[in-house]
Amino acid sequence: MKKLVLLLEKKFEIFTENIAIILGHSFSFFIAIVIVLWWIGLDIYHSSSWHVLINDLVFSFTFLMVFILQKMQNKFSAVMNAKLNELVASHENASNRLIKAEDMTEEELRKLAIHYETLAANLEKNDSLTTSGSIEHVIDTIDKKNEEEKT
């Protein structure tokens, strides 16, 4: 059952990523404009009331904004990921596992967040503002504890 849930979650992540890419593409926006113009043209052709026409115009504006906002979000995410990947790659104490973290599953990201909470707690114990730590040390410590428990 757990494997089925993981498989469905992975497929849903792939599906949502693809939908976000499609909705953020310029061609999708142009298709949406054609649909809106066709719809508004039908309203005008069939002599709909002003109320219906204004309602459709507001709906059309909202519909088109979905594509514009998704395009901007895709661009912003790509830029932010590139900048963060550069920062992680350039820092000698940083964990390289964070490069391309956007490709991790939600479960992997939850585990990583727990490791960072552990790291923050360990650094708080030191009471030093200049102490730095790496997630790799936390993961190594947890792995060693798991191996000791198995033996």
Protein backbone atom coordinates (compact mmCIF):
# COMPACT_ATOMS: atom_id res chain seq x y z
CA MET A 1 0.00 0.00 0.00
CA LYS A 2 2.83 2.40 0.91
CA LYS A 3 4.52 1.75 -2.44
CA LEU A 4 1.29 2.56 -4.25
CA VAL A 5 0.96 5.85 -2.34
CA LEU A 6 4.59 6.76 -3.13
CA LEU A 7 4.07 5.89 -6.78
CA LEU A 8 0.91 8.01 -6.97
CA GLU A 9 2.64 10.89 -5.20
CA LYS A 10 5.58 10.75 -7.62
CA LYS A 11 3.23 10.63 -10.64
CA PHE A 12 1.23 13.57 -9.25
CA GLU A 13 4.43 15.61 -8.76
CA ILE A 14 5.43 14.94 -12.37
CA PHE A 15 1.91 15.84 -13.53
CA THR A 16 1.85 19.13 -11.62
CA GLU A 17 5.34 20.09 -12.81
CA ASN A 18 4.29 19.47 -16.41
CA ILE A 19 1.06 21.45 -16.00
CA ALA A 20 3.01 24.36 -14.50
CA ILE A 21 5.41 24.31 -17.45
CA ILE A 22 2.57 24.16 -19.98
CA LEU A 23 0.55 26.95 -18.34
CA GLY A 24 3.67 29.11 -18.09
CA HIS A 25 4.54 28.77 -21.77
CA SER A 26 3.98 31.75 -24.08
CA PHE A 27 2.12 29.59 -26.60
CA SER A 28 -0.46 28.65 -23.95
CA PHE A 29 -1.09 32.33 -23.31
CA PHE A 30 -1.71 32.98 -26.99
CA ILE A 31 -4.14 30.03 -27.15
CA ALA A 32 -5.94 31.51 -24.13
CA ILE A 33 -6.19 34.89 -25.88
CA VAL A 34 -7.73 33.23 -28.94
CA ILE A 35 -10.26 31.44 -26.73
CA VAL A 36 -11.12 34.67 -24.91
CA LEU A 37 -11.52 36.64 -28.17
CA TRP A 38 -13.74 33.88 -29.58
CA TRP A 39 -15.86 33.84 -26.42
CA ILE A 40 -16.24 37.64 -26.29
CA GLY A 41 -16.97 37.65 -30.04
CA LEU A 42 -19.82 35.20 -29.47
CA ASP A 43 -21.20 37.48 -26.75
CA ILE A 44 -21.14 40.49 -29.07
CA TYR A 45 -22.50 38.52 -32.04
CA HIS A 46 -25.43 37.15 -30.04
CA SER A 47 -26.21 40.61 -28.64
CA SER A 48 -25.83 39.60 -25.01
CA SER A 49 -26.68 42.15 -22.37
CA TRP A 50 -23.99 44.50 -21.08
CA HIS A 51 -24.08 42.69 -17.77
CA VAL A 52 -23.16 39.37 -19.39
CA LEU A 53 -20.48 41.02 -21.53
CA ILE A 54 -18.85 42.74 -18.55
CA ASN A 55 -19.06 39.52 -16.54
CA ASP A 56 -17.33 37.63 -19.35
CA LEU A 57 -14.66 40.33 -19.68
CA VAL A 58 -13.85 40.10 -15.98
CA PHE A 59 -13.76 36.30 -16.18
CA SER A 60 -11.52 36.51 -19.28
CA PHE A 61 -9.10 38.85 -17.54
CA THR A 62 -8.87 36.46 -14.57
CA PHE A 63 -8.43 33.50 -16.91
CA LEU A 64 -5.55 35.21 -18.75
CA MET A 65 -3.90 36.26 -15.47
CA VAL A 66 -3.47 32.57 -14.55
CA PHE A 67 -1.14 32.15 -17.53
CA ILE A 68 0.75 35.37 -16.86
CA LEU A 69 1.26 34.61 -13.18
CA GLN A 70 2.37 31.04 -13.91
CA LYS A 71 4.90 32.28 -16.47
CA MET A 72 6.33 34.76 -13.95
CA GLN A 73 6.41 32.11 -11.19
CA ASN A 74 8.26 29.65 -13.45
CA LYS A 75 10.84 32.29 -14.35
CA PHE A 76 11.26 33.43 -10.73
CA SER A 77 11.69 29.83 -9.52
CA ALA A 78 14.27 29.03 -12.19
CA VAL A 79 16.30 32.15 -11.37
CA MET A 80 16.10 31.56 -7.62
CA ASN A 81 17.12 27.91 -7.99
CA ALA A 82 20.09 28.85 -10.17
CA LYS A 83 21.26 31.46 -7.65
CA LEU A 84 20.87 29.12 -4.69
CA ASN A 85 22.64 26.29 -6.54
CA GLU A 86 25.56 28.65 -7.23
CA LEU A 87 25.75 29.68 -3.56
CA VAL A 88 25.66 26.08 -2.38
CA ALA A 89 28.24 24.97 -4.93
CA SER A 90 30.61 27.83 -4.10
CA HIS A 91 30.63 27.41 -0.31
CA GLU A 92 33.10 24.82 0.91
CA ASN A 93 31.13 23.83 4.03
CA ALA A 94 27.77 23.58 2.26
CA SER A 95 26.13 20.25 1.57
CA ASN A 96 26.12 19.48 -2.13
CA ARG A 97 22.95 17.46 -1.65
CA LEU A 98 21.07 20.77 -1.74
CA ILE A 99 22.03 21.41 -5.34
CA LYS A 100 18.91 20.67 -7.36
CA ALA A 101 16.85 20.28 -4.17
CA GLU A 102 13.83 21.30 -6.23
CA ASP A 103 13.93 17.80 -7.77
CA MET A 104 13.48 16.10 -4.38
CA THR A 105 10.17 14.55 -3.44
CA GLU A 106 8.07 16.02 -0.64
CA GLU A 107 9.08 13.14 1.65
CA GLU A 108 12.78 13.77 1.01
CA LEU A 109 12.27 17.49 1.70
CA ARG A 110 10.47 16.70 4.98
CA LYS A 111 13.38 14.50 6.09
CA LEU A 112 15.83 17.23 5.13
CA ALA A 113 13.84 19.78 7.14
CA ILE A 114 14.02 17.49 10.19
CA HIS A 115 17.80 17.24 9.76
CA TYR A 116 18.02 21.05 9.64
CA GLU A 117 15.96 21.31 12.82
CA THR A 118 18.42 18.95 14.48
CA LEU A 119 21.33 21.04 13.17
CA ALA A 120 19.74 24.23 14.51
CA ALA A 121 19.22 22.61 17.92
CA ASN A 122 22.84 21.43 18.01
CA LEU A 123 24.14 24.88 17.08
CA GLU A 124 21.92 26.51 19.72
CA LYS A 125 23.57 24.35 22.38
CA ASN A 126 26.97 25.86 21.50
CA ASP A 127 25.77 29.42 22.30
CA SER A 128 28.23 30.81 19.79
CA LEU A 129 27.18 33.06 16.96
CA THR A 130 30.28 32.21 14.94
CA THR A 131 29.86 28.42 15.02
CA SER A 132 28.82 26.91 11.72
CA GLY A 133 27.63 23.44 10.92
CA SER A 134 26.69 21.32 8.00
CA ILE A 135 23.75 19.06 7.41
CA GLU A 136 26.23 16.35 6.45
CA HIS A 137 27.41 16.09 10.07
CA VAL A 138 23.83 15.64 11.28
CA ILE A 139 23.08 12.97 8.67
CA ASP A 140 26.34 11.14 9.47
CA THR A 141 25.49 11.17 13.18
CA ILE A 142 21.99 9.84 12.53
CA ASP A 143 23.38 7.13 10.22
CA LYS A 144 25.88 6.06 12.90
CA LYS A 145 23.11 5.87 15.51
CA ASN A 146 20.99 3.78 13.16
CA GLU A 147 23.90 1.39 12.55
CA GLU A 148 24.56 1.05 16.29
CA GLU A 149 20.89 0.28 16.93
CA LYS A 150 20.95 -2.47 14.29
CA THR A 151 24.00 -4.16 15.85
